[in-house]
PDB file of all heavy atoms in Angstrom:
ATOM      1  N   ASP A   1       0.810  -1.222   0.000  1.00  0.00           N
ATOM      2  CA  ASP A   1       0.000   0.000   0.000  1.00  0.00           C
ATOM      3  C   ASP A   1       0.844   1.274   0.000  1.00  0.00           C
ATOM      4  O   ASP A   1       0.285   2.372  -0.117  1.00  0.00           O
ATOM      5  CB  ASP A   1      -0.919   0.029   1.232  1.00  0.00           C
ATOM      6  CG  ASP A   1      -2.035  -0.995   1.150  1.00  0.00           C
ATOM      7  OD1 ASP A   1      -2.522  -1.225   0.030  1.00  0.00           O
ATOM      8  OD2 ASP A   1      -2.411  -1.564   2.195  1.00  0.00           O
ATOM      9  N   ARG A   2       2.148   1.147   0.149  1.00  0.00           N
ATOM     10  CA  ARG A   2       2.977   2.352   0.289  1.00  0.00           C
ATOM     11  C   ARG A   2       2.907   3.290  -0.909  1.00  0.00           C
ATOM     12  O   ARG A   2       2.839   4.510  -0.722  1.00  0.00           O
ATOM     13  CB  ARG A   2       4.429   1.953   0.587  1.00  0.00           C
ATOM     14  CG  ARG A   2       4.643   1.560   2.040  1.00  0.00           C
ATOM     15  CD  ARG A   2       6.062   1.172   2.324  1.00  0.00           C
ATOM     16  NE  ARG A   2       6.177   0.609   3.674  1.00  0.00           N
ATOM     17  CZ  ARG A   2       7.065  -0.300   4.010  1.00  0.00           C
ATOM     18  NH1 ARG A   2       7.922  -0.770   3.108  1.00  0.00           N
ATOM     19  NH2 ARG A   2       7.104  -0.761   5.255  1.00  0.00           N
ATOM     20  N   PRO A   3       2.937   2.792  -2.161  1.00  0.00           N
ATOM     21  CA  PRO A   3       2.816   3.758  -3.264  1.00  0.00           C
ATOM     22  C   PRO A   3       1.554   4.600  -3.176  1.00  0.00           C
ATOM     23  O   PRO A   3       1.587   5.811  -3.425  1.00  0.00           O
ATOM     24  CB  PRO A   3       2.807   2.854  -4.515  1.00  0.00           C
ATOM     25  CG  PRO A   3       3.552   1.628  -4.101  1.00  0.00           C
ATOM     26  CD  PRO A   3       3.180   1.415  -2.660  1.00  0.00           C
ATOM     27  N   ALA A   4       0.425   3.981  -2.796  1.00  0.00           N
ATOM     28  CA  ALA A   4      -0.834   4.729  -2.693  1.00  0.00           C
ATOM     29  C   ALA A   4      -0.784   5.736  -1.551  1.00  0.00           C
ATOM     30  O   ALA A   4      -1.281   6.861  -1.677  1.00  0.00           O
ATOM     31  CB  ALA A   4      -1.997   3.757  -2.499  1.00  0.00           C
ATOM     32  N   VAL A   5      -0.181   5.369  -0.422  1.00  0.00           N
ATOM     33  CA  VAL A   5      -0.119   6.275   0.725  1.00  0.00           C
ATOM     34  C   VAL A   5       0.870   7.405   0.462  1.00  0.00           C
ATOM     35  O   VAL A   5       0.595   8.573   0.792  1.00  0.00           O
ATOM     36  CB  VAL A   5       0.255   5.491   2.007  1.00  0.00           C
ATOM     37  CG1 VAL A   5       0.487   6.441   3.171  1.00  0.00           C
ATOM     38  CG2 VAL A   5      -0.855   4.506   2.351  1.00  0.00           C
ATOM     39  N   PHE A   6       2.010   7.105  -0.136  1.00  0.00           N
ATOM     40  CA  PHE A   6       2.946   8.170  -0.513  1.00  0.00           C
ATOM     41  C   PHE A   6       2.312   9.099  -1.546  1.00  0.00           C
ATOM     42  O   PHE A   6       2.534  10.312  -1.521  1.00  0.00           O
ATOM     43  CB  PHE A   6       4.247   7.570  -1.047  1.00  0.00           C
ATOM     44  CG  PHE A   6       5.264   7.255   0.017  1.00  0.00           C
ATOM     45  CD1 PHE A   6       5.196   6.073   0.734  1.00  0.00           C
ATOM     46  CD2 PHE A   6       6.287   8.134   0.313  1.00  0.00           C
ATOM     47  CE1 PHE A   6       6.125   5.767   1.719  1.00  0.00           C
ATOM     48  CE2 PHE A   6       7.224   7.845   1.286  1.00  0.00           C
ATOM     49  CZ  PHE A   6       7.145   6.656   2.000  1.00  0.00           C
ATOM     50  N   ALA A   7       1.514   8.537  -2.458  1.00  0.00           N
ATOM     51  CA  ALA A   7       0.815   9.372  -3.445  1.00  0.00           C
ATOM     52  C   ALA A   7      -0.206  10.275  -2.767  1.00  0.00           C
ATOM     53  O   ALA A   7      -0.385  11.434  -3.161  1.00  0.00           O
ATOM     54  CB  ALA A   7       0.136   8.491  -4.496  1.00  0.00           C
ATOM     55  N   ALA A   8      -0.884   9.762  -1.740  1.00  0.00           N
ATOM     56  CA  ALA A   8      -1.841  10.587  -0.998  1.00  0.00           C
ATOM     57  C   ALA A   8      -1.132  11.753  -0.311  1.00  0.00           C
ATOM     58  O   ALA A   8      -1.612  12.896  -0.339  1.00  0.00           O
ATOM     59  CB  ALA A   8      -2.586   9.731   0.028  1.00  0.00           C
ATOM     60  N   GLN A   9       0.020  11.480   0.304  1.00  0.00           N
ATOM     61  CA  GLN A   9       0.795  12.554   0.921  1.00  0.00           C
ATOM     62  C   GLN A   9       1.242  13.572  -0.123  1.00  0.00           C
ATOM     63  O   GLN A   9       1.176  14.789   0.097  1.00  0.00           O
ATOM     64  CB  GLN A   9       2.014  11.957   1.638  1.00  0.00           C
ATOM     65  CG  GLN A   9       3.161  12.924   1.928  1.00  0.00           C
ATOM     66  CD  GLN A   9       2.828  14.010   2.937  1.00  0.00           C
ATOM     67  OE1 GLN A   9       1.728  14.056   3.484  1.00  0.00           O
ATOM     68  NE2 GLN A   9       3.771  14.908   3.186  1.00  0.00           N
ATOM     69  N   PHE A  10       1.677  13.090  -1.270  1.00  0.00           N
ATOM     70  CA  PHE A  10       2.116  13.975  -2.350  1.00  0.00           C
ATOM     71  C   PHE A  10       0.979  14.886  -2.788  1.00  0.00           C
ATOM     72  O   PHE A  10       1.151  16.100  -2.935  1.00  0.00           O
ATOM     73  CB  PHE A  10       2.599  13.109  -3.515  1.00  0.00           C
ATOM     74  CG  PHE A  10       3.308  13.861  -4.609  1.00  0.00           C
ATOM     75  CD1 PHE A  10       4.633  14.230  -4.469  1.00  0.00           C
ATOM     76  CD2 PHE A  10       2.655  14.185  -5.787  1.00  0.00           C
ATOM     77  CE1 PHE A  10       5.302  14.910  -5.484  1.00  0.00           C
ATOM     78  CE2 PHE A  10       3.301  14.862  -6.800  1.00  0.00           C
ATOM     79  CZ  PHE A  10       4.641  15.225  -6.645  1.00  0.00           C
ATOM     80  N   ALA A  11      -0.215  14.312  -2.975  1.00  0.00           N
ATOM     81  CA  ALA A  11      -1.362  15.094  -3.445  1.00  0.00           C
ATOM     82  C   ALA A  11      -1.839  16.070  -2.374  1.00  0.00           C
ATOM     83  O   ALA A  11      -2.066  17.257  -2.654  1.00  0.00           O
ATOM     84  CB  ALA A  11      -2.496  14.159  -3.859  1.00  0.00           C
ATOM     85  N   LEU A  12      -1.999  15.603  -1.152  1.00  0.00           N
ATOM     86  CA  LEU A  12      -2.553  16.452  -0.101  1.00  0.00           C
ATOM     87  C   LEU A  12      -1.582  17.562   0.305  1.00  0.00           C
ATOM     88  O   LEU A  12      -2.002  18.691   0.584  1.00  0.00           O
ATOM     89  CB  LEU A  12      -2.921  15.596   1.118  1.00  0.00           C
ATOM     90  CG  LEU A  12      -4.100  14.641   0.904  1.00  0.00           C
ATOM     91  CD1 LEU A  12      -4.262  13.705   2.097  1.00  0.00           C
ATOM     92  CD2 LEU A  12      -5.390  15.420   0.658  1.00  0.00           C
ATOM     93  N   SER A  13      -0.289  17.266   0.327  1.00  0.00           N
ATOM     94  CA  SER A  13       0.675  18.319   0.670  1.00  0.00           C
ATOM     95  C   SER A  13       0.694  19.401  -0.399  1.00  0.00           C
ATOM     96  O   SER A  13       0.775  20.597  -0.075  1.00  0.00           O
ATOM     97  CB  SER A  13       2.077  17.718   0.863  1.00  0.00           C
ATOM     98  OG  SER A  13       2.555  17.137  -0.341  1.00  0.00           O
ATOM     99  N   HIS A  14       0.577  19.009  -1.656  1.00  0.00           N
ATOM    100  CA  HIS A  14       0.549  20.016  -2.719  1.00  0.00           C
ATOM    101  C   HIS A  14      -0.789  20.748  -2.777  1.00  0.00           C
ATOM    102  O   HIS A  14      -0.852  21.893  -3.249  1.00  0.00           O
ATOM    103  CB  HIS A  14       0.888  19.377  -4.068  1.00  0.00           C
ATOM    104  CG  HIS A  14       2.356  19.113  -4.232  1.00  0.00           C
ATOM    105  ND1 HIS A  14       2.946  17.923  -3.893  1.00  0.00           N
ATOM    106  CD2 HIS A  14       3.371  19.914  -4.657  1.00  0.00           C
ATOM    107  CE1 HIS A  14       4.241  17.983  -4.116  1.00  0.00           C
ATOM    108  NE2 HIS A  14       4.530  19.175  -4.578  1.00  0.00           N
ATOM    109  N   ALA A  15      -1.859  20.122  -2.279  1.00  0.00           N
ATOM    110  CA  ALA A  15      -3.121  20.850  -2.145  1.00  0.00           C
ATOM    111  C   ALA A  15      -2.964  22.002  -1.151  1.00  0.00           C
ATOM    112  O   ALA A  15      -3.548  23.079  -1.340  1.00  0.00           O
ATOM    113  CB  ALA A  15      -4.230  19.902  -1.699  1.00  0.00           C
ATOM    114  N   CYS A  16      -2.170  21.781  -0.111  1.00  0.00           N
ATOM    115  CA  CYS A  16      -1.881  22.869   0.840  1.00  0.00           C
ATOM    116  C   CYS A  16      -1.141  24.011   0.147  1.00  0.00           C
ATOM    117  O   CYS A  16      -1.457  25.190   0.358  1.00  0.00           O
ATOM    118  CB  CYS A  16      -1.057  22.338   2.013  1.00  0.00           C
ATOM    119  SG  CYS A  16      -1.925  21.168   3.077  1.00  0.00           S
ATOM    120  N   TRP A  17      -0.165  23.662  -0.693  1.00  0.00           N
ATOM    121  CA  TRP A  17       0.561  24.703  -1.439  1.00  0.00           C
ATOM    122  C   TRP A  17      -0.364  25.419  -2.419  1.00  0.00           C
ATOM    123  O   TRP A  17      -0.217  26.626  -2.641  1.00  0.00           O
ATOM    124  CB  TRP A  17       1.742  24.084  -2.186  1.00  0.00           C
ATOM    125  CG  TRP A  17       2.884  23.693  -1.311  1.00  0.00           C
ATOM    126  CD1 TRP A  17       3.153  22.471  -0.800  1.00  0.00           C
ATOM    127  CD2 TRP A  17       3.929  24.562  -0.841  1.00  0.00           C
ATOM    128  NE1 TRP A  17       4.299  22.507  -0.041  1.00  0.00           N
ATOM    129  CE2 TRP A  17       4.796  23.772  -0.054  1.00  0.00           C
ATOM    130  CE3 TRP A  17       4.213  25.916  -1.020  1.00  0.00           C
ATOM    131  CZ2 TRP A  17       5.930  24.297   0.563  1.00  0.00           C
ATOM    132  CZ3 TRP A  17       5.348  26.441  -0.408  1.00  0.00           C
ATOM    133  CH2 TRP A  17       6.183  25.645   0.368  1.00  0.00           C
ATOM    134  N   LEU A  18      -1.290  24.690  -2.994  1.00  0.00           N
ATOM    135  CA  LEU A  18      -2.238  25.300  -3.929  1.00  0.00           C
ATOM    136  C   LEU A  18      -3.086  26.361  -3.228  1.00  0.00           C
ATOM    137  O   LEU A  18      -3.521  27.336  -3.848  1.00  0.00           O
ATOM    138  CB  LEU A  18      -3.132  24.210  -4.527  1.00  0.00           C
ATOM    139  CG  LEU A  18      -3.958  24.554  -5.769  1.00  0.00           C
ATOM    140  CD1 LEU A  18      -3.075  25.050  -6.906  1.00  0.00           C
ATOM    141  CD2 LEU A  18      -4.761  23.339  -6.218  1.00  0.00           C
ATOM    142  N   LEU A  19      -3.281  26.203  -1.930  1.00  0.00           N
ATOM    143  CA  LEU A  19      -3.996  27.207  -1.133  1.00  0.00           C
ATOM    144  C   LEU A  19      -3.088  28.364  -0.733  1.00  0.00           C
ATOM    145  O   LEU A  19      -3.464  29.536  -0.867  1.00  0.00           O
ATOM    146  CB  LEU A  19      -4.575  26.535   0.120  1.00  0.00           C
ATOM    147  CG  LEU A  19      -5.111  27.479   1.206  1.00  0.00           C
ATOM    148  CD1 LEU A  19      -6.360  28.204   0.724  1.00  0.00           C
ATOM    149  CD2 LEU A  19      -5.402  26.696   2.489  1.00  0.00           C
ATOM    150  N   THR A  20      -1.881  28.052  -0.258  1.00  0.00           N
ATOM    151  CA  THR A  20      -1.048  29.101   0.343  1.00  0.00           C
ATOM    152  C   THR A  20      -0.263  29.928  -0.670  1.00  0.00           C
ATOM    153  O   THR A  20       0.045  31.090  -0.394  1.00  0.00           O
ATOM    154  CB  THR A  20      -0.076  28.488   1.367  1.00  0.00           C
ATOM    155  OG1 THR A  20       0.739  27.490   0.729  1.00  0.00           O
ATOM    156  CG2 THR A  20      -0.840  27.856   2.523  1.00  0.00           C
ATOM    157  N   TYR A  21       0.065  29.360  -1.824  1.00  0.00           N
ATOM    158  CA  TYR A  21       0.754  30.151  -2.856  1.00  0.00           C
ATOM    159  C   TYR A  21      -0.038  31.417  -3.216  1.00  0.00           C
ATOM    160  O   TYR A  21       0.473  32.537  -3.087  1.00  0.00           O
ATOM    161  CB  TYR A  21       0.982  29.316  -4.110  1.00  0.00           C
ATOM    162  CG  TYR A  21       2.312  28.604  -4.184  1.00  0.00           C
ATOM    163  CD1 TYR A  21       2.416  27.346  -4.779  1.00  0.00           C
ATOM    164  CD2 TYR A  21       3.483  29.180  -3.701  1.00  0.00           C
ATOM    165  CE1 TYR A  21       3.628  26.678  -4.868  1.00  0.00           C
ATOM    166  CE2 TYR A  21       4.702  28.518  -3.784  1.00  0.00           C
ATOM    167  CZ  TYR A  21       4.761  27.267  -4.368  1.00  0.00           C
ATOM    168  OH  TYR A  21       5.968  26.618  -4.460  1.00  0.00           O
ATOM    169  N   PRO A  22      -1.292  31.281  -3.680  1.00  0.00           N
ATOM    170  CA  PRO A  22      -2.038  32.502  -4.032  1.00  0.00           C
ATOM    171  C   PRO A  22      -2.348  33.363  -2.808  1.00  0.00           C
ATOM    172  O   PRO A  22      -2.402  34.597  -2.907  1.00  0.00           O
ATOM    173  CB  PRO A  22      -3.313  31.978  -4.691  1.00  0.00           C
ATOM    174  CG  PRO A  22      -3.444  30.570  -4.235  1.00  0.00           C
ATOM    175  CD  PRO A  22      -2.055  30.067  -4.016  1.00  0.00           C
ATOM    176  N   LEU A  23      -2.552  32.732  -1.651  1.00  0.00           N
ATOM    177  CA  LEU A  23      -2.834  33.496  -0.435  1.00  0.00           C
ATOM    178  C   LEU A  23      -1.664  34.409  -0.081  1.00  0.00           C
ATOM    179  O   LEU A  23      -1.856  35.585   0.269  1.00  0.00           O
ATOM    180  CB  LEU A  23      -3.132  32.536   0.719  1.00  0.00           C
ATOM    181  CG  LEU A  23      -3.616  33.167   2.027  1.00  0.00           C
ATOM    182  CD1 LEU A  23      -4.957  33.859   1.815  1.00  0.00           C
ATOM    183  CD2 LEU A  23      -3.726  32.094   3.112  1.00  0.00           C
ATOM    184  N   ALA A  24      -0.443  33.886  -0.205  1.00  0.00           N
ATOM    185  CA  ALA A  24       0.741  34.693   0.101  1.00  0.00           C
ATOM    186  C   ALA A  24       0.876  35.863  -0.861  1.00  0.00           C
ATOM    187  O   ALA A  24       1.145  36.999  -0.439  1.00  0.00           O
ATOM    188  CB  ALA A  24       1.991  33.818   0.049  1.00  0.00           C
ATOM    189  N   GLY A  25       0.694  35.609  -2.155  1.00  0.00           N
ATOM    190  CA  GLY A  25       0.839  36.673  -3.141  1.00  0.00           C
ATOM    191  C   GLY A  25      -0.262  37.709  -3.054  1.00  0.00           C
ATOM    192  O   GLY A  25       0.004  38.925  -3.084  1.00  0.00           O
ATOM    193  N   TRP A  26      -1.500  37.254  -2.903  1.00  0.00           N
ATOM    194  CA  TRP A  26      -2.635  38.184  -2.866  1.00  0.00           C
ATOM    195  C   TRP A  26      -2.599  39.050  -1.620  1.00  0.00           C
ATOM    196  O   TRP A  26      -2.811  40.264  -1.685  1.00  0.00           O
ATOM    197  CB  TRP A  26      -3.941  37.395  -2.927  1.00  0.00           C
ATOM    198  CG  TRP A  26      -5.152  38.275  -2.813  1.00  0.00           C
ATOM    199  CD1 TRP A  26      -5.722  39.035  -3.788  1.00  0.00           C
ATOM    200  CD2 TRP A  26      -5.932  38.493  -1.632  1.00  0.00           C
ATOM    201  NE1 TRP A  26      -6.814  39.712  -3.298  1.00  0.00           N
ATOM    202  CE2 TRP A  26      -6.966  39.403  -1.974  1.00  0.00           C
ATOM    203  CE3 TRP A  26      -5.875  38.010  -0.329  1.00  0.00           C
ATOM    204  CZ2 TRP A  26      -7.915  39.828  -1.057  1.00  0.00           C
ATOM    205  CZ3 TRP A  26      -6.811  38.439   0.589  1.00  0.00           C
ATOM    206  CH2 TRP A  26      -7.819  39.341   0.224  1.00  0.00           C
ATOM    207  N   THR A  27      -2.325  38.458  -0.460  1.00  0.00           N
ATOM    208  CA  THR A  27      -2.308  39.217   0.788  1.00  0.00           C
ATOM    209  C   THR A  27      -1.182  40.242   0.786  1.00  0.00           C
ATOM    210  O   THR A  27      -1.358  41.390   1.230  1.00  0.00           O
ATOM    211  CB  THR A  27      -2.148  38.271   1.992  1.00  0.00           C
ATOM    212  OG1 THR A  27      -3.116  37.241   1.917  1.00  0.00           O
ATOM    213  CG2 THR A  27      -2.319  39.027   3.297  1.00  0.00           C
ATOM    214  N   MET A  28      -0.024  39.836   0.281  1.00  0.00           N
ATOM    215  CA  MET A  28       1.117  40.756   0.214  1.00  0.00           C
ATOM    216  C   MET A  28       0.792  41.945  -0.689  1.00  0.00           C
ATOM    217  O   MET A  28       1.087  43.097  -0.358  1.00  0.00           O
ATOM    218  CB  MET A  28       2.335  40.003  -0.320  1.00  0.00           C
ATOM    219  CG  MET A  28       3.616  40.813  -0.320  1.00  0.00           C
ATOM    220  SD  MET A  28       4.344  40.879   1.317  1.00  0.00           S
ATOM    221  CE  MET A  28       5.964  41.548   0.892  1.00  0.00           C
ATOM    222  N   THR A  29       0.173  41.672  -1.818  1.00  0.00           N
ATOM    223  CA  THR A  29      -0.141  42.736  -2.776  1.00  0.00           C
ATOM    224  C   THR A  29      -1.241  43.654  -2.256  1.00  0.00           C
ATOM    225  O   THR A  29      -1.166  44.873  -2.393  1.00  0.00           O
ATOM    226  CB  THR A  29      -0.569  42.124  -4.122  1.00  0.00           C
ATOM    227  OG1 THR A  29       0.478  41.283  -4.616  1.00  0.00           O
ATOM    228  CG2 THR A  29      -0.866  43.213  -5.141  1.00  0.00           C
TER     229      THR A  29
END
């Protein structure tokens, strides 16, 4: 099951970046 669990971590961690990237730029501007 490790490939699936590592893939879940990969997807969910990048979902966090998908939220914070625009938040950082928009708030700063």
